[in-house]
PDB file of N, CA and C in Angstrom:
ATOM      1  N   MET A   1      25.646  -5.191 -27.475  1.00  0.00           N
ATOM      2  CA  MET A   1      26.613  -3.944 -27.466  1.00  0.00           C
ATOM      3  C   MET A   1      27.333  -3.859 -26.291  1.00  0.00           C
ATOM      4  N   LEU A   2      28.489  -3.677 -26.248  1.00  0.00           N
ATOM      5  CA  LEU A   2      29.226  -3.431 -25.258  1.00  0.00           C
ATOM      6  C   LEU A   2      29.368  -2.098 -24.363  1.00  0.00           C
ATOM      7  N   ILE A   3      29.303  -2.011 -23.066  1.00  0.00           N
ATOM      8  CA  ILE A   3      29.546  -0.541 -22.476  1.00  0.00           C
ATOM      9  C   ILE A   3      30.723  -0.082 -22.763  1.00  0.00           C
ATOM     10  N   PHE A   4      30.647   1.323 -22.907  1.00  0.00           N
ATOM     11  CA  PHE A   4      31.925   2.031 -23.079  1.00  0.00           C
ATOM     12  C   PHE A   4      33.267   1.433 -22.283  1.00  0.00           C
ATOM     13  N   ARG A   5      33.093   1.578 -20.867  1.00  0.00           N
ATOM     14  CA  ARG A   5      34.270   0.840 -20.189  1.00  0.00           C
ATOM     15  C   ARG A   5      34.759  -0.446 -20.663  1.00  0.00           C
ATOM     16  N   ASN A   6      33.913  -1.460 -21.161  1.00  0.00           N
ATOM     17  CA  ASN A   6      34.290  -2.758 -21.569  1.00  0.00           C
ATOM     18  C   ASN A   6      34.966  -2.534 -22.954  1.00  0.00           C
ATOM     19  N   LYS A   7      34.578  -1.564 -23.860  1.00  0.00           N
ATOM     20  CA  LYS A   7      35.309  -1.364 -25.093  1.00  0.00           C
ATOM     21  C   LYS A   7      36.672  -0.850 -25.018  1.00  0.00           C
ATOM     22  N   ILE A   8      36.825   0.077 -23.837  1.00  0.00           N
ATOM     23  CA  ILE A   8      38.150   0.477 -23.486  1.00  0.00           C
ATOM     24  C   ILE A   8      39.031  -0.524 -23.067  1.00  0.00           C
ATOM     25  N   LYS A   9      38.449  -1.580 -22.131  1.00  0.00           N
ATOM     26  CA  LYS A   9      39.246  -2.501 -21.716  1.00  0.00           C
ATOM     27  C   LYS A   9      39.655  -3.502 -22.690  1.00  0.00           C
ATOM     28  N   HIS A  10      38.821  -3.985 -23.567  1.00  0.00           N
ATOM     29  CA  HIS A  10      39.158  -4.854 -24.813  1.00  0.00           C
ATOM     30  C   HIS A  10      40.276  -4.035 -25.663  1.00  0.00           C
ATOM     31  N   LEU A  11      40.060  -2.787 -26.045  1.00  0.00           N
ATOM     32  CA  LEU A  11      41.330  -2.188 -26.621  1.00  0.00           C
ATOM     33  C   LEU A  11      42.552  -2.165 -25.916  1.00  0.00           C
ATOM     34  N   GLU A  12      42.582  -1.897 -24.574  1.00  0.00           N
ATOM     35  CA  GLU A  12      43.891  -2.050 -24.142  1.00  0.00           C
ATOM     36  C   GLU A  12      44.462  -3.536 -24.091  1.00  0.00           C
ATOM     37  N   LEU A  13      43.568  -4.318 -23.658  1.00  0.00           N
ATOM     38  CA  LEU A  13      43.922  -5.619 -23.709  1.00  0.00           C
ATOM     39  C   LEU A  13      44.596  -6.105 -24.914  1.00  0.00           C
ATOM     40  N   TYR A  14      43.723  -5.884 -26.111  1.00  0.00           N
ATOM     41  CA  TYR A  14      44.361  -6.005 -27.579  1.00  0.00           C
ATOM     42  C   TYR A  14      45.524  -5.679 -27.886  1.00  0.00           C
ATOM     43  N   LEU A  15      45.890  -4.186 -27.477  1.00  0.00           N
ATOM     44  CA  LEU A  15      47.036  -3.513 -27.876  1.00  0.00           C
ATOM     45  C   LEU A  15      48.098  -4.040 -26.997  1.00  0.00           C
ATOM     46  N   TYR A  16      48.080  -4.748 -25.684  1.00  0.00           N
ATOM     47  CA  TYR A  16      48.968  -5.030 -25.325  1.00  0.00           C
ATOM     48  C   TYR A  16      49.384  -6.847 -25.178  1.00  0.00           C
ATOM     49  N   LYS A  17      48.358  -6.941 -26.176  1.00  0.00           N
ATOM     50  CA  LYS A  17      48.430  -8.535 -26.240  1.00  0.00           C
ATOM     51  C   LYS A  17      49.974  -8.879 -27.033  1.00  0.00           C
ATOM     52  N   GLU A  18      50.470  -9.968 -27.010  1.00  0.00           N
ATOM     53  CA  GLU A  18      51.713 -10.186 -27.558  1.00  0.00           C
ATOM     54  C   GLU A  18      52.016 -10.252 -29.101  1.00  0.00           C
ATOM     55  N   LYS A  19      53.123  -9.557 -29.286  1.00  0.00           N
ATOM     56  CA  LYS A  19      53.260  -8.992 -30.559  1.00  0.00           C
ATOM     57  C   LYS A  19      53.771 -10.050 -31.489  1.00  0.00           C
ATOM     58  N   LYS A  20      53.231 -10.414 -32.544  1.00  0.00           N
ATOM     59  CA  LYS A  20      53.655 -11.609 -33.417  1.00  0.00           C
ATOM     60  C   LYS A  20      54.257 -11.183 -34.769  1.00  0.00           C
ATOM     61  N   ASN A  21      54.029 -10.074 -35.233  1.00  0.00           N
ATOM     62  CA  ASN A  21      54.638  -9.654 -36.570  1.00  0.00           C
ATOM     63  C   ASN A  21      55.239  -8.110 -36.599  1.00  0.00           C
ATOM     64  N   TYR A  22      55.554  -7.717 -37.817  1.00  0.00           N
ATOM     65  CA  TYR A  22      56.144  -6.320 -37.914  1.00  0.00           C
ATOM     66  C   TYR A  22      55.011  -5.405 -37.409  1.00  0.00           C
ATOM     67  N   ALA A  23      53.830  -5.526 -37.926  1.00  0.00           N
ATOM     68  CA  ALA A  23      52.762  -4.523 -38.085  1.00  0.00           C
ATOM     69  C   ALA A  23      52.633  -4.361 -36.537  1.00  0.00           C
ATOM     70  N   ASP A  24      52.679  -5.697 -35.698  1.00  0.00           N
ATOM     71  CA  ASP A  24      52.159  -5.411 -34.023  1.00  0.00           C
ATOM     72  C   ASP A  24      52.983  -4.487 -33.265  1.00  0.00           C
ATOM     73  N   SER A  25      54.249  -4.316 -34.189  1.00  0.00           N
ATOM     74  CA  SER A  25      55.338  -3.259 -33.309  1.00  0.00           C
ATOM     75  C   SER A  25      54.799  -1.930 -33.240  1.00  0.00           C
ATOM     76  N   PHE A  26      53.872  -1.477 -33.999  1.00  0.00           N
ATOM     77  CA  PHE A  26      53.306  -0.274 -33.932  1.00  0.00           C
ATOM     78  C   PHE A  26      52.109  -0.222 -32.838  1.00  0.00           C
ATOM     79  N   LYS A  27      51.770  -1.227 -32.174  1.00  0.00           N
ATOM     80  CA  LYS A  27      50.848  -1.024 -31.191  1.00  0.00           C
ATOM     81  C   LYS A  27      51.491  -0.144 -29.900  1.00  0.00           C
ATOM     82  N   ASN A  28      52.861  -0.289 -29.908  1.00  0.00           N
ATOM     83  CA  ASN A  28      53.466   0.585 -28.770  1.00  0.00           C
ATOM     84  C   ASN A  28      53.165   2.185 -29.143  1.00  0.00           C
ATOM     85  N   ASP A  29      53.023   2.681 -30.691  1.00  0.00           N
ATOM     86  CA  ASP A  29      52.730   3.931 -30.785  1.00  0.00           C
ATOM     87  C   ASP A  29      51.462   4.278 -30.558  1.00  0.00           C
ATOM     88  N   ILE A  30      50.647   3.436 -30.654  1.00  0.00           N
ATOM     89  CA  ILE A  30      48.851   3.556 -30.554  1.00  0.00           C
ATOM     90  C   ILE A  30      48.962   3.779 -28.933  1.00  0.00           C
ATOM     91  N   ILE A  31      49.643   2.899 -28.128  1.00  0.00           N
ATOM     92  CA  ILE A  31      49.358   2.998 -26.437  1.00  0.00           C
ATOM     93  C   ILE A  31      49.960   4.558 -26.255  1.00  0.00           C
ATOM     94  N   ILE A  32      51.023   4.861 -26.707  1.00  0.00           N
ATOM     95  CA  ILE A  32      51.769   5.980 -26.493  1.00  0.00           C
ATOM     96  C   ILE A  32      50.788   7.134 -26.506  1.00  0.00           C
ATOM     97  N   TYR A  33      50.125   6.981 -27.709  1.00  0.00           N
ATOM     98  CA  TYR A  33      49.162   8.219 -28.459  1.00  0.00           C
ATOM     99  C   TYR A  33      48.051   8.521 -27.416  1.00  0.00           C
ATOM    100  N   PHE A  34      47.853   7.104 -26.875  1.00  0.00           N
ATOM    101  CA  PHE A  34      46.787   7.126 -25.714  1.00  0.00           C
ATOM    102  C   PHE A  34      47.125   7.408 -24.125  1.00  0.00           C
ATOM    103  N   ASP A  35      48.510   7.871 -24.150  1.00  0.00           N
ATOM    104  CA  ASP A  35      49.184   8.177 -23.031  1.00  0.00           C
ATOM    105  C   ASP A  35      49.070   7.300 -21.933  1.00  0.00           C
ATOM    106  N   GLU A  36      49.082   5.887 -22.565  1.00  0.00           N
ATOM    107  CA  GLU A  36      48.990   4.835 -21.451  1.00  0.00           C
ATOM    108  C   GLU A  36      47.803   5.044 -20.566  1.00  0.00           C
ATOM    109  N   ASN A  37      46.945   5.874 -21.085  1.00  0.00           N
ATOM    110  CA  ASN A  37      45.396   6.047 -20.144  1.00  0.00           C
ATOM    111  C   ASN A  37      44.404   5.418 -20.548  1.00  0.00           C
ATOM    112  N   PHE A  38      44.271   4.400 -20.276  1.00  0.00           N
ATOM    113  CA  PHE A  38      42.767   3.795 -20.706  1.00  0.00           C
ATOM    114  C   PHE A  38      41.401   3.775 -19.795  1.00  0.00           C
ATOM    115  N   SER A  39      41.290   5.021 -19.642  1.00  0.00           N
ATOM    116  CA  SER A  39      40.221   5.287 -18.502  1.00  0.00           C
ATOM    117  C   SER A  39      39.048   5.897 -19.359  1.00  0.00           C
ATOM    118  N   THR A  40      37.936   5.854 -18.734  1.00  0.00           N
ATOM    119  CA  THR A  40      36.782   6.403 -19.514  1.00  0.00           C
ATOM    120  C   THR A  40      36.854   7.846 -19.422  1.00  0.00           C
ATOM    121  N   SER A  41      37.875   8.769 -18.737  1.00  0.00           N
ATOM    122  CA  SER A  41      38.068   9.860 -18.845  1.00  0.00           C
ATOM    123  C   SER A  41      39.321  10.480 -19.958  1.00  0.00           C
ATOM    124  N   ASN A  42      39.585   9.690 -20.581  1.00  0.00           N
ATOM    125  CA  ASN A  42      40.545  10.110 -21.727  1.00  0.00           C
ATOM    126  C   ASN A  42      39.882  10.311 -22.863  1.00  0.00           C
ATOM    127  N   LYS A  43      39.655  11.471 -23.270  1.00  0.00           N
ATOM    128  CA  LYS A  43      38.872  11.997 -24.369  1.00  0.00           C
ATOM    129  C   LYS A  43      39.123  11.391 -25.682  1.00  0.00           C
ATOM    130  N   CYS A  44      40.508  11.010 -25.859  1.00  0.00           N
ATOM    131  CA  CYS A  44      40.898  10.196 -27.338  1.00  0.00           C
ATOM    132  C   CYS A  44      40.176   8.991 -27.401  1.00  0.00           C
ATOM    133  N   LEU A  45      39.562   8.547 -26.402  1.00  0.00           N
ATOM    134  CA  LEU A  45      38.735   6.910 -26.582  1.00  0.00           C
ATOM    135  C   LEU A  45      37.653   7.262 -27.110  1.00  0.00           C
ATOM    136  N   ASN A  46      37.055   8.353 -27.107  1.00  0.00           N
ATOM    137  CA  ASN A  46      35.554   8.766 -27.191  1.00  0.00           C
ATOM    138  C   ASN A  46      35.275   8.044 -28.662  1.00  0.00           C
ATOM    139  N   PHE A  47      36.132   7.759 -29.570  1.00  0.00           N
ATOM    140  CA  PHE A  47      35.838   7.128 -31.011  1.00  0.00           C
ATOM    141  C   PHE A  47      35.159   5.613 -30.674  1.00  0.00           C
ATOM    142  N   LEU A  48      35.479   4.954 -29.485  1.00  0.00           N
ATOM    143  CA  LEU A  48      34.880   3.818 -29.162  1.00  0.00           C
ATOM    144  C   LEU A  48      33.471   3.846 -29.116  1.00  0.00           C
ATOM    145  N   LYS A  49      32.916   5.106 -28.819  1.00  0.00           N
ATOM    146  CA  LYS A  49      31.448   4.986 -28.427  1.00  0.00           C
ATOM    147  C   LYS A  49      30.586   4.592 -29.766  1.00  0.00           C
ATOM    148  N   TYR A  50      31.388   4.849 -30.811  1.00  0.00           N
ATOM    149  CA  TYR A  50      30.814   4.522 -32.193  1.00  0.00           C
ATOM    150  C   TYR A  50      31.076   3.111 -32.695  1.00  0.00           C
ATOM    151  N   ILE A  51      31.879   2.260 -31.937  1.00  0.00           N
ATOM    152  CA  ILE A  51      32.060   0.942 -32.272  1.00  0.00           C
ATOM    153  C   ILE A  51      31.163  -0.097 -31.516  1.00  0.00           C
ATOM    154  N   LYS A  52      30.623  -1.079 -32.151  1.00  0.00           N
ATOM    155  CA  LYS A  52      29.908  -1.889 -31.580  1.00  0.00           C
ATOM    156  C   LYS A  52      30.202  -3.014 -30.758  1.00  0.00           C
ATOM    157  N   ASN A  53      31.202  -3.792 -31.181  1.00  0.00           N
ATOM    158  CA  ASN A  53      31.567  -4.894 -30.705  1.00  0.00           C
ATOM    159  C   ASN A  53      33.272  -4.928 -30.447  1.00  0.00           C
ATOM    160  N   GLU A  54      33.506  -6.130 -30.054  1.00  0.00           N
ATOM    161  CA  GLU A  54      35.212  -6.447 -29.877  1.00  0.00           C
ATOM    162  C   GLU A  54      35.717  -6.601 -30.974  1.00  0.00           C
ATOM    163  N   LYS A  55      34.868  -7.554 -31.986  1.00  0.00           N
ATOM    164  CA  LYS A  55      35.673  -7.627 -33.248  1.00  0.00           C
ATOM    165  C   LYS A  55      35.905  -6.456 -34.032  1.00  0.00           C
ATOM    166  N   ASP A  56      34.947  -5.275 -34.050  1.00  0.00           N
ATOM    167  CA  ASP A  56      35.181  -4.121 -34.496  1.00  0.00           C
ATOM    168  C   ASP A  56      36.252  -3.189 -33.797  1.00  0.00           C
ATOM    169  N   ILE A  57      36.677  -3.514 -32.718  1.00  0.00           N
ATOM    170  CA  ILE A  57      37.870  -2.601 -32.074  1.00  0.00           C
ATOM    171  C   ILE A  57      38.874  -3.410 -32.632  1.00  0.00           C
ATOM    172  N   GLU A  58      39.079  -4.510 -32.800  1.00  0.00           N
ATOM    173  CA  GLU A  58      40.327  -5.540 -33.330  1.00  0.00           C
ATOM    174  C   GLU A  58      40.323  -4.935 -34.565  1.00  0.00           C
ATOM    175  N   ASN A  59      39.268  -4.813 -35.582  1.00  0.00           N
ATOM    176  CA  ASN A  59      39.299  -4.345 -36.905  1.00  0.00           C
ATOM    177  C   ASN A  59      39.924  -3.145 -37.078  1.00  0.00           C
ATOM    178  N   TRP A  60      39.304  -2.235 -35.967  1.00  0.00           N
ATOM    179  CA  TRP A  60      40.151  -0.910 -36.068  1.00  0.00           C
ATOM    180  C   TRP A  60      41.424  -0.893 -35.753  1.00  0.00           C
ATOM    181  N   VAL A  61      41.858  -1.519 -34.787  1.00  0.00           N
ATOM    182  CA  VAL A  61      43.514  -1.751 -34.728  1.00  0.00           C
ATOM    183  C   VAL A  61      44.244  -2.173 -35.955  1.00  0.00           C
ATOM    184  N   ASP A  62      43.529  -3.257 -36.362  1.00  0.00           N
ATOM    185  CA  ASP A  62      44.399  -4.043 -37.252  1.00  0.00           C
ATOM    186  C   ASP A  62      44.719  -3.301 -38.758  1.00  0.00           C
ATOM    187  N   ASN A  63      43.228  -2.322 -38.901  1.00  0.00           N
ATOM    188  CA  ASN A  63      43.312  -1.488 -40.093  1.00  0.00           C
ATOM    189  C   ASN A  63      44.177  -0.308 -40.047  1.00  0.00           C
ATOM    190  N   LEU A  64      44.424   0.234 -38.727  1.00  0.00           N
ATOM    191  CA  LEU A  64      45.653   1.359 -38.298  1.00  0.00           C
ATOM    192  C   LEU A  64      46.829   0.665 -38.483  1.00  0.00           C
ATOM    193  N   LEU A  65      46.895  -0.525 -37.955  1.00  0.00           N
ATOM    194  CA  LEU A  65      48.223  -1.199 -38.177  1.00  0.00           C
ATOM    195  C   LEU A  65      48.737  -1.355 -39.661  1.00  0.00           C
ATOM    196  N   SER A  66      47.907  -1.882 -40.257  1.00  0.00           N
ATOM    197  CA  SER A  66      47.950  -2.009 -41.788  1.00  0.00           C
ATOM    198  C   SER A  66      48.312  -0.619 -42.330  1.00  0.00           C
ATOM    199  N   ARG A  67      47.857   0.231 -42.077  1.00  0.00           N
ATOM    200  CA  ARG A  67      47.978   1.578 -42.682  1.00  0.00           C
ATOM    201  C   ARG A  67      49.390   2.159 -42.209  1.00  0.00           C
ATOM    202  N   PHE A  68      49.887   1.700 -40.974  1.00  0.00           N
ATOM    203  CA  PHE A  68      51.233   2.031 -40.496  1.00  0.00           C
ATOM    204  C   PHE A  68      52.341   1.419 -41.565  1.00  0.00           C
ATOM    205  N   VAL A  69      51.967   0.182 -41.786  1.00  0.00           N
ATOM    206  CA  VAL A  69      52.832  -0.373 -42.859  1.00  0.00           C
ATOM    207  C   VAL A  69      53.070  -0.086 -43.980  1.00  0.00           C
ATOM    208  N   MET A  70      51.760   0.159 -44.636  1.00  0.00           N
ATOM    209  CA  MET A  70      51.817   0.687 -46.038  1.00  0.00           C
ATOM    210  C   MET A  70      52.030   1.990 -46.231  1.00  0.00           C
ATOM    211  N   LYS A  71      51.661   3.077 -45.314  1.00  0.00           N
ATOM    212  CA  LYS A  71      51.739   4.151 -45.826  1.00  0.00           C
ATOM    213  C   LYS A  71      52.687   5.105 -44.780  1.00  0.00           C
ATOM    214  N   PHE A  72      52.943   4.808 -43.532  1.00  0.00           N
ATOM    215  CA  PHE A  72      53.696   5.641 -42.822  1.00  0.00           C
ATOM    216  C   PHE A  72      54.914   5.890 -43.152  1.00  0.00           C
ATOM    217  N   ASP A  73      55.440   7.178 -42.907  1.00  0.00           N
ATOM    218  CA  ASP A  73      57.019   7.510 -43.505  1.00  0.00           C
ATOM    219  C   ASP A  73      57.369   8.378 -42.501  1.00  0.00           C
ATOM    220  N   GLY A  74      58.266   7.842 -41.758  1.00  0.00           N
ATOM    221  CA  GLY A  74      58.866   8.381 -40.357  1.00  0.00           C
ATOM    222  C   GLY A  74      59.850   9.362 -40.503  1.00  0.00           C
ATOM    223  N   GLU A  75      60.103   9.652 -41.907  1.00  0.00           N
ATOM    224  CA  GLU A  75      61.085  10.800 -42.244  1.00  0.00           C
ATOM    225  C   GLU A  75      60.148  12.333 -42.265  1.00  0.00           C
ATOM    226  N   PHE A  76      58.976  12.094 -42.490  1.00  0.00           N
ATOM    227  CA  PHE A  76      57.868  12.970 -43.067  1.00  0.00           C
ATOM    228  C   PHE A  76      57.007  13.358 -42.007  1.00  0.00           C
ATOM    229  N   GLU A  77      56.503  12.232 -41.024  1.00  0.00           N
ATOM    230  CA  GLU A  77      55.307  12.356 -40.279  1.00  0.00           C
ATOM    231  C   GLU A  77      55.785  11.654 -38.974  1.00  0.00           C
ATOM    232  N   GLN A  78      54.808  12.316 -37.913  1.00  0.00           N
ATOM    233  CA  GLN A  78      55.136  11.504 -36.565  1.00  0.00           C
ATOM    234  C   GLN A  78      54.017  10.679 -36.130  1.00  0.00           C
ATOM    235  N   GLU A  79      54.366   9.780 -35.491  1.00  0.00           N
ATOM    236  CA  GLU A  79      53.369   8.601 -35.295  1.00  0.00           C
ATOM    237  C   GLU A  79      52.072   9.391 -34.666  1.00  0.00           C
ATOM    238  N   THR A  80      52.191  10.244 -33.555  1.00  0.00           N
ATOM    239  CA  THR A  80      50.970  10.761 -33.143  1.00  0.00           C
ATOM    240  C   THR A  80      49.941  11.392 -34.189  1.00  0.00           C
ATOM    241  N   ASP A  81      50.700  12.154 -35.105  1.00  0.00           N
ATOM    242  CA  ASP A  81      49.979  12.891 -36.271  1.00  0.00           C
ATOM    243  C   ASP A  81      49.138  11.845 -37.077  1.00  0.00           C
ATOM    244  N   PHE A  82      49.662  10.593 -37.290  1.00  0.00           N
ATOM    245  CA  PHE A  82      49.341   9.520 -38.373  1.00  0.00           C
ATOM    246  C   PHE A  82      48.167   8.958 -37.524  1.00  0.00           C
ATOM    247  N   ILE A  83      48.252   8.814 -36.351  1.00  0.00           N
ATOM    248  CA  ILE A  83      46.857   8.140 -35.570  1.00  0.00           C
ATOM    249  C   ILE A  83      46.022   9.190 -35.622  1.00  0.00           C
ATOM    250  N   PHE A  84      46.306  10.300 -35.231  1.00  0.00           N
ATOM    251  CA  PHE A  84      45.181  11.386 -35.153  1.00  0.00           C
ATOM    252  C   PHE A  84      44.423  11.429 -36.467  1.00  0.00           C
ATOM    253  N   ASP A  85      45.206  11.353 -37.528  1.00  0.00           N
ATOM    254  CA  ASP A  85      44.749  11.686 -38.785  1.00  0.00           C
ATOM    255  C   ASP A  85      43.601  10.409 -39.134  1.00  0.00           C
ATOM    256  N   TYR A  86      43.943   9.158 -38.838  1.00  0.00           N
ATOM    257  CA  TYR A  86      43.257   8.128 -38.670  1.00  0.00           C
ATOM    258  C   TYR A  86      41.910   8.200 -38.213  1.00  0.00           C
ATOM    259  N   LEU A  87      41.886   8.614 -36.815  1.00  0.00           N
ATOM    260  CA  LEU A  87      40.898   8.907 -35.958  1.00  0.00           C
ATOM    261  C   LEU A  87      39.661   9.918 -36.380  1.00  0.00           C
ATOM    262  N   THR A  88      40.520  10.913 -37.186  1.00  0.00           N
ATOM    263  CA  THR A  88      39.453  11.991 -37.648  1.00  0.00           C
ATOM    264  C   THR A  88      39.167  11.777 -39.150  1.00  0.00           C
ATOM    265  N   ASN A  89      39.978  10.893 -39.810  1.00  0.00           N
ATOM    266  CA  ASN A  89      39.671  10.920 -41.215  1.00  0.00           C
ATOM    267  C   ASN A  89      39.204   9.414 -41.755  1.00  0.00           C
ATOM    268  N   GLY A  90      39.570   8.367 -40.957  1.00  0.00           N
ATOM    269  CA  GLY A  90      39.371   7.138 -41.169  1.00  0.00           C
ATOM    270  C   GLY A  90      40.219   6.645 -42.196  1.00  0.00           C
TER     271      GLY A  90
END
């Protein structure tokens, strides 16, 4: 199991990884949601305490990106609200 600091670092690296498709374009919205603050003091990152490994972190991001592609409606929703809802309701 990774320590919290390493989980944060992996999340950051994965979000900044080269974008290869349309879904990856929403990574910027996730980065902005975290205020580009990938430190242990950022309370928005506390969800990582419940994630076990790097693959689970990547799955979390990929699932959120998939949800953006399938369900996000920019006319009626804010990106930050959409991410917050995913964090709180999965």
